[in-house]
Amino acid sequence: MTALRDHVIPRPEGDLHVHLAGDAGPPVLLLSGAGLDNALLSWRHLIPDLARDHRVVAPDWPKQGRSRPWHGRATHDVLLRTVVDVLDDLGIERAAVVGLSQGGALALATAIEHPDRVDRVVALAPAGTLDFPPGLHQLLWLTARVPLLSRTLPNLAFRSRSVVTAFTRRALFGDADRVPDLDDVVDAVLAEARSGNAGSSDWQNDSIGFRRMRVDLRPRLPDIRCPTLFLQGDRDAGVPVATTRAAAAAVPGARFVLLPGRGRWSARESPDEVNTLVRDFLDG
């Protein structure tokens, strides 16, 4: 893998760690997902590919990866500010932003709230565009509000490698046998879980209200004016294809690409295909 440089941004809540690669070319900010994820889990294969001719910036979200300990909640507003802080600290005026799941929501939100800072967006199975039927919505809200359900029990369960392996195979990939480095993925997810990160993230917990989603980007998607690409696996266990397709239709001029047979972590499941799609879009 391309040599990475570790950059630390001191914040009142803790140190934010940012992985840097590549010395020249257009800047690209890579935003990972929630929970059992971090920058190197999401982007292990995309970082070296882009670093050949881009300046790659991949932060570990607060409470993920090396951005621990972190004191305080990492809510939507905190993470949105984190994106801007990273760009400011590195002296980057504008960047392409690529995000997965929670990171996809923050990529879209940054394009909405800070359009002058975003050149292009790639959103892979983005959160922030979901809703749930009554009953299920309230159950998810309750789970988010009860630490026993949202943190304690998941952290106990995911200490087992067999549980992590089953979760990884069934929840993250459309066909785990396709993943070229599945054992490495399981090892990294297990390490993240054993760091106490198996539960839902602050962003996830904070995004859902009792009756409706508190973080719902859909009404503001038509405000996005930069070129935007949506990627979605049709075997994603958490984000329906129709939801991402509708989000893409709401963004003026956006492109939607369906990845047949792929799950949530398409960048790890089919790295060559996803790398090519992202690179061609960024360079277009």
Protein backbone atom coordinates (compact mmCIF):
# COMPACT_ATOMS: atom_id res chain seq x y z
CA MET A 1 0.00 0.00 0.00
CA THR A 2 1.11 3.57 -0.68
CA ALA A 3 3.02 5.09 2.21
CA LEU A 4 0.68 7.02 4.48
CA ARG A 5 1.47 10.06 6.55
CA ASP A 6 -0.35 10.67 9.81
CA HIS A 7 -1.55 14.20 10.41
CA VAL A 8 -3.03 15.22 13.77
CA ILE A 9 -5.48 18.07 14.28
CA PRO A 10 -5.86 18.96 17.97
CA ARG A 11 -9.46 19.61 18.92
CA PRO A 12 -10.96 20.40 22.35
CA GLU A 13 -12.64 16.97 22.35
CA GLY A 14 -9.49 15.07 21.34
CA ASP A 15 -6.97 14.59 18.56
CA LEU A 16 -8.39 14.07 15.08
CA HIS A 17 -6.13 11.77 13.05
CA VAL A 18 -5.98 12.19 9.29
CA HIS A 19 -4.29 9.82 6.85
CA LEU A 20 -2.53 11.58 3.98
CA ALA A 21 -1.21 10.12 0.73
CA GLY A 22 0.01 11.62 -2.52
CA ASP A 23 1.88 14.89 -2.82
CA ALA A 24 0.41 16.50 -5.90
CA GLY A 25 -2.75 16.78 -7.92
CA PRO A 26 -6.33 17.70 -7.07
CA PRO A 27 -7.29 17.10 -3.43
CA VAL A 28 -9.75 14.32 -2.59
CA LEU A 29 -11.37 13.93 0.83
CA LEU A 30 -12.46 10.37 1.71
CA LEU A 31 -15.14 9.97 4.41
CA SER A 32 -15.80 6.54 5.92
CA GLY A 33 -18.96 5.03 7.36
CA ALA A 34 -20.28 4.68 10.89
CA GLY A 35 -19.80 2.11 13.63
CA LEU A 36 -17.39 -0.68 12.72
CA ASP A 37 -15.48 1.34 10.18
CA ASN A 38 -12.56 3.73 9.86
CA ALA A 39 -10.69 5.45 7.08
CA LEU A 40 -8.41 2.53 6.23
CA LEU A 41 -11.24 0.00 6.37
CA SER A 42 -13.34 1.90 3.85
CA TRP A 43 -10.59 3.14 1.58
CA ARG A 44 -7.68 0.68 1.81
CA HIS A 45 -7.70 0.12 -1.96
CA LEU A 46 -8.93 3.52 -3.15
CA ILE A 47 -6.24 5.51 -1.30
CA PRO A 48 -3.23 4.11 -3.21
CA ASP A 49 -5.05 4.23 -6.52
CA LEU A 50 -5.95 7.91 -6.18
CA ALA A 51 -2.64 8.85 -4.54
CA ARG A 52 -0.81 8.27 -7.83
CA ASP A 53 -2.02 11.65 -9.05
CA HIS A 54 -4.22 13.15 -6.32
CA ARG A 55 -3.67 14.59 -2.89
CA VAL A 56 -5.64 12.14 -0.74
CA VAL A 57 -7.02 13.09 2.69
CA ALA A 58 -8.78 10.42 4.77
CA PRO A 59 -9.74 11.34 8.34
CA ASP A 60 -10.71 8.86 11.02
CA TRP A 61 -14.03 10.16 12.31
CA PRO A 62 -14.13 11.11 16.00
CA LYS A 63 -14.31 7.91 18.09
CA GLN A 64 -13.10 5.77 15.16
CA GLY A 65 -9.71 4.42 14.21
CA ARG A 66 -6.96 6.55 15.68
CA SER A 67 -9.26 9.46 16.59
CA ARG A 68 -9.67 8.15 20.12
CA PRO A 69 -10.16 9.03 22.90
CA TRP A 70 -12.79 11.62 22.05
CA HIS A 71 -14.74 13.50 24.70
CA GLY A 72 -18.20 14.64 23.67
CA ARG A 73 -20.76 13.49 21.13
CA ALA A 74 -19.92 13.19 17.45
CA THR A 75 -23.26 14.41 16.09
CA HIS A 76 -24.12 15.57 12.57
CA ASP A 77 -23.14 19.17 13.32
CA VAL A 78 -19.85 18.06 14.88
CA LEU A 79 -18.95 15.86 11.90
CA LEU A 80 -19.93 18.55 9.41
CA ARG A 81 -17.65 20.96 11.25
CA THR A 82 -14.94 18.29 11.25
CA VAL A 83 -15.00 18.14 7.45
CA VAL A 84 -14.47 21.89 7.20
CA ASP A 85 -11.81 21.84 9.93
CA VAL A 86 -9.82 19.22 8.03
CA LEU A 87 -9.91 21.27 4.83
CA ASP A 88 -8.99 24.46 6.70
CA ASP A 89 -6.15 22.85 8.64
CA LEU A 90 -4.58 21.50 5.45
CA GLY A 91 -5.09 24.73 3.52
CA ILE A 92 -7.45 23.15 0.99
CA GLU A 93 -9.93 25.59 -0.52
CA ARG A 94 -11.92 23.06 -2.57
CA ALA A 95 -11.85 19.29 -2.80
CA ALA A 96 -13.69 16.38 -4.31
CA VAL A 97 -15.47 14.52 -1.51
CA VAL A 98 -16.07 10.76 -1.56
CA GLY A 99 -18.19 9.26 1.21
CA LEU A 100 -19.62 5.88 2.20
CA SER A 101 -22.86 5.52 4.19
CA GLN A 102 -22.50 8.01 7.07
CA GLY A 103 -19.62 9.53 5.12
CA GLY A 104 -21.86 9.74 2.07
CA ALA A 105 -24.38 11.74 4.09
CA LEU A 106 -21.62 14.11 5.24
CA ALA A 107 -20.30 14.45 1.68
CA LEU A 108 -23.76 15.49 0.48
CA ALA A 109 -24.31 17.73 3.51
CA THR A 110 -21.00 19.50 2.90
CA ALA A 111 -21.98 20.14 -0.72
CA ILE A 112 -25.27 21.59 0.54
CA GLU A 113 -23.95 23.71 3.42
CA HIS A 114 -20.52 24.64 2.03
CA PRO A 115 -20.84 24.56 -1.78
CA ASP A 116 -17.74 26.72 -2.21
CA ARG A 117 -15.58 23.98 -0.62
CA VAL A 118 -16.76 21.04 -2.75
CA ASP A 119 -15.69 20.39 -6.33
CA ARG A 120 -17.38 17.00 -6.87
CA VAL A 121 -19.18 14.39 -4.76
CA VAL A 122 -19.20 10.61 -4.89
CA ALA A 123 -21.76 9.11 -2.51
CA LEU A 124 -21.66 5.35 -1.98
CA ALA A 125 -24.89 4.03 -0.43
CA PRO A 126 -25.36 7.32 1.42
CA ALA A 127 -27.21 7.64 4.69
CA GLY A 128 -29.15 10.82 5.40
CA THR A 129 -31.73 9.95 2.72
CA LEU A 130 -33.56 7.16 4.57
CA ASP A 131 -36.87 6.80 6.32
CA PHE A 132 -38.52 3.84 8.01
CA PRO A 133 -42.13 2.67 8.34
CA PRO A 134 -44.02 3.48 11.57
CA GLY A 135 -43.28 0.95 14.25
CA LEU A 136 -39.82 0.09 12.92
CA HIS A 137 -38.93 3.78 13.13
CA GLN A 138 -39.94 3.96 16.80
CA LEU A 139 -38.08 0.72 17.54
CA LEU A 140 -34.92 2.16 16.02
CA TRP A 141 -35.44 5.41 17.95
CA LEU A 142 -35.76 3.44 21.20
CA THR A 143 -32.64 1.42 20.42
CA ALA A 144 -30.72 4.64 19.79
CA ARG A 145 -31.83 6.02 23.16
CA VAL A 146 -31.01 2.95 25.28
CA PRO A 147 -27.24 2.40 25.72
CA LEU A 148 -27.79 -1.25 26.63
CA LEU A 149 -29.22 -1.85 23.14
CA SER A 150 -27.13 0.57 21.09
CA ARG A 151 -23.73 -0.02 22.72
CA THR A 152 -23.41 -2.55 25.53
CA LEU A 153 -24.91 -5.63 23.87
CA PRO A 154 -23.28 -5.06 20.45
CA ASN A 155 -19.89 -4.53 22.08
CA LEU A 156 -20.26 -7.80 24.01
CA ALA A 157 -21.41 -9.77 20.98
CA PHE A 158 -18.76 -8.47 18.58
CA ARG A 159 -15.81 -9.55 20.70
CA SER A 160 -16.16 -12.96 19.06
CA ARG A 161 -14.35 -13.49 15.76
CA SER A 162 -17.06 -15.89 14.59
CA VAL A 163 -19.74 -13.24 15.15
CA VAL A 164 -17.67 -10.59 13.35
CA THR A 165 -17.01 -12.98 10.46
CA ALA A 166 -20.71 -13.79 10.08
CA PHE A 167 -21.64 -10.09 10.28
CA THR A 168 -19.00 -9.13 7.74
CA ARG A 169 -20.04 -11.80 5.26
CA ARG A 170 -23.78 -11.20 5.52
CA ALA A 171 -24.18 -7.49 6.24
CA LEU A 172 -21.31 -5.81 4.42
CA PHE A 173 -20.86 -7.75 1.18
CA GLY A 174 -23.11 -9.09 -1.53
CA ASP A 175 -20.79 -12.06 -2.07
CA ALA A 176 -18.04 -12.33 0.55
CA ASP A 177 -16.22 -14.96 -1.52
CA ARG A 178 -15.53 -12.21 -4.04
CA VAL A 179 -13.62 -10.09 -1.50
CA PRO A 180 -9.89 -10.45 -2.24
CA ASP A 181 -8.73 -9.78 1.34
CA LEU A 182 -11.66 -10.94 3.46
CA ASP A 183 -9.48 -12.12 6.35
CA ASP A 184 -7.85 -8.70 6.57
CA VAL A 185 -11.28 -7.06 6.63
CA VAL A 186 -12.44 -9.35 9.45
CA ASP A 187 -9.26 -8.65 11.44
CA ALA A 188 -9.73 -4.88 11.09
CA VAL A 189 -13.44 -4.98 11.95
CA LEU A 190 -12.68 -7.14 14.98
CA ALA A 191 -10.03 -4.69 16.16
CA GLU A 192 -12.50 -1.82 15.81
CA ALA A 193 -15.15 -3.80 17.70
CA ARG A 194 -12.77 -4.65 20.53
CA SER A 195 -12.06 -0.95 20.87
CA GLY A 196 -15.68 -0.53 21.95
CA ASN A 197 -17.04 0.66 18.62
CA ALA A 198 -19.49 -2.12 17.76
CA GLY A 199 -22.60 -0.11 18.56
CA SER A 200 -24.30 2.57 16.51
CA SER A 201 -22.46 5.86 16.15
CA ASP A 202 -23.43 9.14 17.77
CA TRP A 203 -24.35 10.37 14.29
CA GLN A 204 -26.71 7.44 13.76
CA ASN A 205 -28.27 7.79 17.21
CA ASP A 206 -28.69 11.53 16.87
CA SER A 207 -30.12 11.39 13.34
CA ILE A 208 -33.38 9.71 14.32
CA GLY A 209 -36.22 11.44 16.16
CA PHE A 210 -39.32 9.83 17.63
CA ARG A 211 -41.59 10.54 14.65
CA ARG A 212 -39.22 11.43 11.84
CA MET A 213 -35.56 11.54 10.89
CA ARG A 214 -33.70 14.49 12.40
CA VAL A 215 -31.08 14.25 9.65
CA ASP A 216 -32.95 14.15 6.35
CA LEU A 217 -31.06 15.64 3.43
CA ARG A 218 -33.71 14.93 0.83
CA PRO A 219 -35.40 18.36 0.84
CA ARG A 220 -32.03 20.04 0.23
CA LEU A 221 -30.62 17.67 -2.40
CA PRO A 222 -31.82 19.92 -5.27
CA ASP A 223 -29.52 22.62 -3.85
CA ILE A 224 -26.42 20.62 -4.80
CA ARG A 225 -24.82 22.16 -7.88
CA CYS A 226 -21.54 20.28 -8.22
CA PRO A 227 -21.17 17.10 -10.32
CA THR A 228 -22.36 14.17 -8.23
CA LEU A 229 -22.09 10.40 -8.61
CA PHE A 230 -24.13 7.90 -6.59
CA LEU A 231 -22.95 4.28 -6.33
CA GLN A 232 -25.21 1.58 -4.89
CA GLY A 233 -24.90 -2.17 -4.56
CA ASP A 234 -28.15 -4.00 -5.21
CA ARG A 235 -27.47 -6.39 -2.32
CA ASP A 236 -26.93 -3.68 0.29
CA ALA A 237 -28.60 -4.88 3.49
CA GLY A 238 -29.18 -1.40 4.87
CA VAL A 239 -29.78 1.09 2.07
CA PRO A 240 -32.45 0.20 -0.52
CA VAL A 241 -31.60 0.75 -4.17
CA ALA A 242 -34.78 2.80 -4.64
CA THR A 243 -33.71 5.21 -1.90
CA THR A 244 -30.35 5.99 -3.48
CA ARG A 245 -31.85 6.12 -6.96
CA ALA A 246 -34.39 8.69 -5.74
CA ALA A 247 -31.66 10.72 -4.05
CA ALA A 248 -29.68 10.78 -7.28
CA ALA A 249 -32.76 11.89 -9.21
CA ALA A 250 -33.17 14.83 -6.81
CA VAL A 251 -29.65 16.20 -7.44
CA PRO A 252 -29.49 18.20 -10.68
CA GLY A 253 -27.45 16.34 -13.28
CA ALA A 254 -26.36 13.56 -10.91
CA ARG A 255 -25.37 10.15 -12.19
CA PHE A 256 -26.51 6.88 -10.61
CA VAL A 257 -24.62 3.60 -11.04
CA LEU A 258 -26.01 0.29 -9.80
CA LEU A 259 -23.46 -2.36 -8.81
CA PRO A 260 -25.11 -5.77 -9.37
CA GLY A 261 -24.46 -8.34 -6.67
CA ARG A 262 -22.54 -5.90 -4.47
CA GLY A 263 -23.27 -5.02 -0.86
CA ARG A 264 -22.56 -2.02 1.38
CA TRP A 265 -18.75 -2.08 1.21
CA SER A 266 -18.45 -2.15 -2.57
CA ALA A 267 -15.06 -0.43 -2.43
CA ARG A 268 -13.68 -3.48 -0.60
CA GLU A 269 -15.79 -6.06 -2.41
CA SER A 270 -14.92 -4.93 -5.93
CA PRO A 271 -12.04 -2.49 -5.53
CA ASP A 272 -10.91 -2.44 -9.16
CA GLU A 273 -14.40 -1.66 -10.44
CA VAL A 274 -15.15 0.99 -7.82
CA ASN A 275 -11.72 2.58 -8.11
CA THR A 276 -12.22 2.94 -11.87
CA LEU A 277 -15.69 4.45 -11.46
CA VAL A 278 -14.47 6.95 -8.88
CA ARG A 279 -11.29 7.87 -10.76
CA ASP A 280 -13.05 8.33 -14.09
CA PHE A 281 -15.66 10.55 -12.44
CA LEU A 282 -13.12 12.67 -10.57
CA ASP A 283 -11.00 13.12 -13.66
CA GLY A 284 -13.95 13.75 -15.98
